[in-house]
Amino acid sequence: MGVGTVLCVGCFDLLHPGHVLLLYSAAAYGDRLIVGLTVDEAVHKGSGHPLFNWDERRTMLRHLKWVEDVIPNHSAEQTIKEIQPEWYAKGIEYFGSLPEERLVKRYGGRVVYIDTHYKFSSTDIMTGRLFAQRKRTVRPRVK
């Protein structure tokens, strides 16, 4: 187990395996994982988001044993300034395009990009695109 506070920020609407593995992997970098959960009015992911309100999403996240706390996130920059984490974890898809990386480093923190190998999106789940895609492919069953 690592040392220090790890911060993850995001919407985490429709909690899926990619989210769970991201948070689990992030927790290993420090001794305390805080999730900055985007408040409803700051979610800009398109129509229908968030499907679950802030309290409902917080309830899901707080029941993950490696999440120590879930706090309101109005903006990533504001949350980073408040927490000043030793570690800031994001999915690998943000590599090279993360505007808050400089701010994390200014406070002495490090950014870690986590590849969960799961490429889900809440929007794809909500619109049925994930279902259509999976219906076309044969997936091996896990035993």
C-alpha atoms as a PDB file:
ATOM      1  CA  MET A   1       0.000   0.000   0.000  1.00  0.00           C
ATOM      2  CA  GLY A   2       1.203   3.495  -0.852  1.00  0.00           C
ATOM      3  CA  VAL A   3       1.338   6.583   1.303  1.00  0.00           C
ATOM      4  CA  GLY A   4      -0.752   9.727   1.175  1.00  0.00           C
ATOM      5  CA  THR A   5      -4.109  10.841  -0.098  1.00  0.00           C
ATOM      6  CA  VAL A   6      -5.358   9.702  -3.486  1.00  0.00           C
ATOM      7  CA  LEU A   7      -8.020  11.769  -5.213  1.00  0.00           C
ATOM      8  CA  CYS A   8     -10.293  10.642  -8.047  1.00  0.00           C
ATOM      9  CA  VAL A   9     -12.889  12.996  -9.470  1.00  0.00           C
ATOM     10  CA  GLY A  10     -15.742  12.184 -11.774  1.00  0.00           C
ATOM     11  CA  CYS A  11     -19.432  11.700 -12.338  1.00  0.00           C
ATOM     12  CA  PHE A  12     -19.521   7.927 -11.737  1.00  0.00           C
ATOM     13  CA  ASP A  13     -23.035   7.702 -13.136  1.00  0.00           C
ATOM     14  CA  LEU A  14     -24.102   4.092 -13.719  1.00  0.00           C
ATOM     15  CA  LEU A  15     -21.277   2.534 -11.751  1.00  0.00           C
ATOM     16  CA  HIS A  16     -19.714  -0.154 -13.956  1.00  0.00           C
ATOM     17  CA  PRO A  17     -16.682  -2.500 -13.859  1.00  0.00           C
ATOM     18  CA  GLY A  18     -14.378   0.170 -15.304  1.00  0.00           C
ATOM     19  CA  HIS A  19     -15.245   2.556 -12.473  1.00  0.00           C
ATOM     20  CA  VAL A  20     -14.834  -0.110  -9.800  1.00  0.00           C
ATOM     21  CA  LEU A  21     -11.440  -1.237 -11.078  1.00  0.00           C
ATOM     22  CA  LEU A  22     -10.249   2.364 -11.494  1.00  0.00           C
ATOM     23  CA  LEU A  23     -11.100   3.174  -7.884  1.00  0.00           C
ATOM     24  CA  TYR A  24      -9.681  -0.098  -6.573  1.00  0.00           C
ATOM     25  CA  SER A  25      -6.415   0.457  -8.453  1.00  0.00           C
ATOM     26  CA  ALA A  26      -6.226   4.109  -7.386  1.00  0.00           C
ATOM     27  CA  ALA A  27      -6.612   3.185  -3.721  1.00  0.00           C
ATOM     28  CA  ALA A  28      -3.388   1.164  -3.874  1.00  0.00           C
ATOM     29  CA  TYR A  29      -1.349   4.337  -4.461  1.00  0.00           C
ATOM     30  CA  GLY A  30      -2.077   5.789  -1.045  1.00  0.00           C
ATOM     31  CA  ASP A  31      -3.522   5.080   2.338  1.00  0.00           C
ATOM     32  CA  ARG A  32      -6.677   7.149   1.806  1.00  0.00           C
ATOM     33  CA  LEU A  33      -8.900   7.353  -1.303  1.00  0.00           C
ATOM     34  CA  ILE A  34     -11.192  10.344  -1.619  1.00  0.00           C
ATOM     35  CA  VAL A  35     -13.673  10.559  -4.489  1.00  0.00           C
ATOM     36  CA  GLY A  36     -14.651  14.027  -5.655  1.00  0.00           C
ATOM     37  CA  LEU A  37     -18.109  13.227  -6.990  1.00  0.00           C
ATOM     38  CA  THR A  38     -19.336  15.729  -9.560  1.00  0.00           C
ATOM     39  CA  VAL A  39     -22.433  17.562  -8.339  1.00  0.00           C
ATOM     40  CA  ASP A  40     -25.529  17.173 -10.499  1.00  0.00           C
ATOM     41  CA  GLU A  41     -25.478  20.712 -11.924  1.00  0.00           C
ATOM     42  CA  ALA A  42     -21.831  20.344 -13.027  1.00  0.00           C
ATOM     43  CA  VAL A  43     -22.384  17.108 -15.000  1.00  0.00           C
ATOM     44  CA  HIS A  44     -22.098  17.986 -18.691  1.00  0.00           C
ATOM     45  CA  LYS A  45     -22.261  14.588 -20.368  1.00  0.00           C
ATOM     46  CA  GLY A  46     -25.386  15.162 -22.415  1.00  0.00           C
ATOM     47  CA  SER A  47     -29.089  14.633 -22.091  1.00  0.00           C
ATOM     48  CA  GLY A  48     -30.198  12.290 -19.345  1.00  0.00           C
ATOM     49  CA  HIS A  49     -27.070  12.667 -17.212  1.00  0.00           C
ATOM     50  CA  PRO A  50     -26.772  12.129 -14.446  1.00  0.00           C
ATOM     51  CA  LEU A  51     -29.239   9.288 -14.373  1.00  0.00           C
ATOM     52  CA  PHE A  52     -28.701   8.923 -10.632  1.00  0.00           C
ATOM     53  CA  ASN A  53     -28.606  12.028  -8.474  1.00  0.00           C
ATOM     54  CA  TRP A  54     -25.598  12.957  -6.311  1.00  0.00           C
ATOM     55  CA  ASP A  55     -26.891  11.230  -3.171  1.00  0.00           C
ATOM     56  CA  GLU A  56     -27.630   8.010  -5.072  1.00  0.00           C
ATOM     57  CA  ARG A  57     -24.195   8.010  -6.723  1.00  0.00           C
ATOM     58  CA  ARG A  58     -22.523   8.779  -3.402  1.00  0.00           C
ATOM     59  CA  THR A  59     -24.339   5.848  -1.788  1.00  0.00           C
ATOM     60  CA  MET A  60     -22.953   3.457  -4.410  1.00  0.00           C
ATOM     61  CA  LEU A  61     -19.401   4.763  -4.021  1.00  0.00           C
ATOM     62  CA  ARG A  62     -19.403   4.843  -0.217  1.00  0.00           C
ATOM     63  CA  HIS A  63     -20.166   1.126  -0.162  1.00  0.00           C
ATOM     64  CA  LEU A  64     -16.886   0.317  -1.887  1.00  0.00           C
ATOM     65  CA  LYS A  65     -14.649  -0.623   1.040  1.00  0.00           C
ATOM     66  CA  TRP A  66     -11.556   1.071  -0.414  1.00  0.00           C
ATOM     67  CA  VAL A  67     -13.283   4.471  -0.729  1.00  0.00           C
ATOM     68  CA  GLU A  68     -12.726   6.431   2.470  1.00  0.00           C
ATOM     69  CA  ASP A  69     -14.780   9.501   1.650  1.00  0.00           C
ATOM     70  CA  VAL A  70     -16.967  10.959  -1.098  1.00  0.00           C
ATOM     71  CA  ILE A  71     -17.084  14.746  -1.325  1.00  0.00           C
ATOM     72  CA  PRO A  72     -18.934  17.167  -3.636  1.00  0.00           C
ATOM     73  CA  ASN A  73     -16.942  18.142  -6.723  1.00  0.00           C
ATOM     74  CA  HIS A  74     -17.960  21.398  -8.405  1.00  0.00           C
ATOM     75  CA  SER A  75     -14.786  21.501 -10.494  1.00  0.00           C
ATOM     76  CA  ALA A  76     -11.671  19.333 -10.544  1.00  0.00           C
ATOM     77  CA  GLU A  77      -9.465  22.373 -10.016  1.00  0.00           C
ATOM     78  CA  GLN A  78     -11.358  23.494  -6.911  1.00  0.00           C
ATOM     79  CA  THR A  79     -11.321  19.993  -5.426  1.00  0.00           C
ATOM     80  CA  ILE A  80      -7.574  19.610  -6.079  1.00  0.00           C
ATOM     81  CA  LYS A  81      -6.903  22.947  -4.354  1.00  0.00           C
ATOM     82  CA  GLU A  82      -8.958  21.847  -1.326  1.00  0.00           C
ATOM     83  CA  ILE A  83      -7.493  18.332  -0.979  1.00  0.00           C
ATOM     84  CA  GLN A  84      -3.958  18.855  -2.379  1.00  0.00           C
ATOM     85  CA  PRO A  85      -3.550  15.115  -2.914  1.00  0.00           C
ATOM     86  CA  GLU A  86      -0.262  13.262  -3.110  1.00  0.00           C
ATOM     87  CA  TRP A  87      -1.832  11.235  -5.935  1.00  0.00           C
ATOM     88  CA  TYR A  88      -4.463  12.175  -8.512  1.00  0.00           C
ATOM     89  CA  ALA A  89      -5.843   9.204 -10.422  1.00  0.00           C
ATOM     90  CA  LYS A  90      -7.578   9.270 -13.798  1.00  0.00           C
ATOM     91  CA  GLY A  91      -8.348   6.737 -16.485  1.00  0.00           C
ATOM     92  CA  ILE A  92      -5.748   6.161 -19.195  1.00  0.00           C
ATOM     93  CA  GLU A  93      -8.078   7.787 -21.735  1.00  0.00           C
ATOM     94  CA  TYR A  94      -7.157  11.180 -20.216  1.00  0.00           C
ATOM     95  CA  PHE A  95      -3.404  10.750 -20.788  1.00  0.00           C
ATOM     96  CA  GLY A  96      -1.980  13.764 -22.599  1.00  0.00           C
ATOM     97  CA  SER A  97      -5.140  15.846 -22.309  1.00  0.00           C
ATOM     98  CA  LEU A  98      -5.611  16.462 -18.599  1.00  0.00           C
ATOM     99  CA  PRO A  99      -5.744  20.210 -17.898  1.00  0.00           C
ATOM    100  CA  GLU A 100      -5.527  19.788 -14.123  1.00  0.00           C
ATOM    101  CA  GLU A 101      -2.210  17.886 -14.262  1.00  0.00           C
ATOM    102  CA  ARG A 102      -0.168  21.083 -13.837  1.00  0.00           C
ATOM    103  CA  LEU A 103      -2.209  22.075 -10.781  1.00  0.00           C
ATOM    104  CA  VAL A 104      -1.667  18.687  -9.116  1.00  0.00           C
ATOM    105  CA  LYS A 105       2.081  18.996  -9.701  1.00  0.00           C
ATOM    106  CA  ARG A 106       2.096  22.573  -8.373  1.00  0.00           C
ATOM    107  CA  TYR A 107       0.933  21.195  -5.004  1.00  0.00           C
ATOM    108  CA  GLY A 108       3.614  18.501  -5.091  1.00  0.00           C
ATOM    109  CA  GLY A 109       1.310  15.700  -6.186  1.00  0.00           C
ATOM    110  CA  ARG A 110       1.651  13.126  -8.912  1.00  0.00           C
ATOM    111  CA  VAL A 111      -0.835  12.112 -11.569  1.00  0.00           C
ATOM    112  CA  VAL A 112      -1.336   8.418 -12.218  1.00  0.00           C
ATOM    113  CA  TYR A 113      -3.174   7.177 -15.298  1.00  0.00           C
ATOM    114  CA  ILE A 114      -4.868   3.837 -14.786  1.00  0.00           C
ATOM    115  CA  ASP A 115      -5.704   1.435 -17.587  1.00  0.00           C
ATOM    116  CA  THR A 116      -8.529  -0.811 -16.434  1.00  0.00           C
ATOM    117  CA  HIS A 117      -8.851  -2.468 -19.872  1.00  0.00           C
ATOM    118  CA  TYR A 118     -12.601  -1.839 -19.558  1.00  0.00           C
ATOM    119  CA  LYS A 119     -13.888   0.660 -22.106  1.00  0.00           C
ATOM    120  CA  PHE A 120     -17.407   1.289 -20.864  1.00  0.00           C
ATOM    121  CA  SER A 121     -19.256   4.563 -20.867  1.00  0.00           C
ATOM    122  CA  SER A 122     -22.412   5.420 -18.984  1.00  0.00           C
ATOM    123  CA  THR A 123     -23.760   7.101 -22.119  1.00  0.00           C
ATOM    124  CA  ASP A 124     -23.250   3.910 -24.163  1.00  0.00           C
ATOM    125  CA  ILE A 125     -25.057   1.936 -21.481  1.00  0.00           C
ATOM    126  CA  MET A 126     -27.962   4.410 -21.269  1.00  0.00           C
ATOM    127  CA  THR A 127     -28.447   4.687 -25.037  1.00  0.00           C
ATOM    128  CA  GLY A 128     -28.266   0.952 -25.647  1.00  0.00           C
ATOM    129  CA  ARG A 129     -25.085   1.198 -27.746  1.00  0.00           C
ATOM    130  CA  LEU A 130     -23.227  -1.117 -25.369  1.00  0.00           C
ATOM    131  CA  PHE A 131     -26.027  -3.676 -25.532  1.00  0.00           C
ATOM    132  CA  ALA A 132     -26.059  -3.537 -29.343  1.00  0.00           C
ATOM    133  CA  GLN A 133     -22.289  -3.882 -29.521  1.00  0.00           C
ATOM    134  CA  ARG A 134     -22.205  -6.835 -27.136  1.00  0.00           C
ATOM    135  CA  LYS A 135     -25.096  -8.526 -28.890  1.00  0.00           C
ATOM    136  CA  ARG A 136     -22.957  -8.608 -32.047  1.00  0.00           C
ATOM    137  CA  THR A 137     -19.911 -10.138 -30.343  1.00  0.00           C
ATOM    138  CA  VAL A 138     -19.496 -13.449 -28.602  1.00  0.00           C
ATOM    139  CA  ARG A 139     -17.888 -13.089 -25.198  1.00  0.00           C
ATOM    140  CA  PRO A 140     -16.336 -15.926 -23.250  1.00  0.00           C
ATOM    141  CA  ARG A 141     -18.007 -16.672 -19.940  1.00  0.00           C
ATOM    142  CA  VAL A 142     -15.988 -16.288 -16.783  1.00  0.00           C
ATOM    143  CA  LYS A 143     -16.099 -19.282 -14.483  1.00  0.00           C
END
